[in-house]
């Protein structure tokens, strides 16, 4: 790497002055932080689940407390776990000073329950939907989707994980003891000031906000301690715009068992796992023969990068350690083998398939050359329909569809990598991606589904469209 004369002078001067800086500024943290595991909130016996959207205090760096937003008094929200067949009553209580709408991405519900502009919760107001759970087991996530404010509100802390279980998932020999061998892992990037407070400047976010500090469940460089054997990680990229490239430090593969819309037919070994904003993946990690392993996310900023950053902002992560996994004790006498089969895909594809072209632009171009207009319905379909969507872009970005599931047919004419197998609702598009889309739920003119760029700033600027799906039989 070469430096300009100006950069060299800057870096040299900083290096000379580095000894004068307080030690705490220059040194890495002496101790890692235990991964915070969000409390588990379960639907049982028809009791409502209360979710208070409110301000709180939180330490991202292990030293300084910062004012944040969150749910039920914490940064981010509790993990909600429901079962197929439940009718879940939620009570969202907005204790913030501005309106908020909330949604559950990946949950298959009618448009009337999806949140958005038609379900704004005013300051000091409530929203109490009753949500029928009709889909197979899946890892979803709930978050703010307030028009034109989604990026800032999610960054502030209005997000959490939502788990769906069914009979099949409960009977499979998979780790399922929450917080013991089954962990939520929520990845975000922040830009922290000298006092550990996250800063967000929408004006400079451009085509998506990128921070320089990686946080997982709200803290830097956490660790977990587990028993020998298999552990399950439910990975969620809740960043505004950053796509993560994940690997295990010992060179072993992840065993992917599920993607956005649920379990795969069988586990898939994946050496490098890409996780775009909004994507979820469940992986198993074999800790039976190792004492410690680190999940990493690419290359971190070097010394010169850190010095240059004092003169000009950088989007390169200071540390790329996602999670350190430490295992101890002896292997149990009987250990579960990796199951060879997880679920059977019984979907029957209708031969009558409609073709659509979707062109994703930037914050000035929108989708198919038009920015979002709340008074315009862009696509109409019917419940149960199968469609072929060809999504193209010159600005690489993730793409999400509400009320539907899809399979990736190809990326730029090439069969997808194994990590894009299975039913999804969010996909990274770089060039041309072909999707087989299944319309699962109905939506209506006043309660439409949205399809949009999952770069949250782009969605806020109008890289989105509205979708009405007529109910089956109409």
Foldseek 3Di string as FASTA:
>chain_A
DDDDPVLVVLLVVCVVCVVVDDPVVVDADPDFAAQDFAAEDEDPDQDAAEWEWAWEWDFAEVPFIAIFIDIPRDQAHHEYEYEAAAFHKYKYFYQDQAKWWKAKALQQFELVRGTEPLNIAGHRGIDIHTTHRHAAWFKIKMFTPYFLCRQVRLVRGGMDIYTYHYPLVVPDPADDDEPAQEGEWEKEAFAADPRRYGDDDLVPQFQFNFHQAIGISRYGAHEHEYAAFKGKYKYAYQYLWDKFKKAKPVQFWWFWQAKGNGGDFFTDTDGIDIHTHRIITMTMDHRNPPFKIWIFTDDADDPSSVSVCVVPNDRGHNGGTRYMYGYDDHDDPDGDDRDGGRDDDPDDADPDEAEEEWEFEFLCQAIPRDFEDLQDADEEAAAFHKYKYKYAYCDKFKKFWPQKWKAWCDAPPHGDDPSRGDIHGMDIHHGITIITMHRHYFYDSSRWIKMATSSSSSVSSGNMHTYGYHYPPD
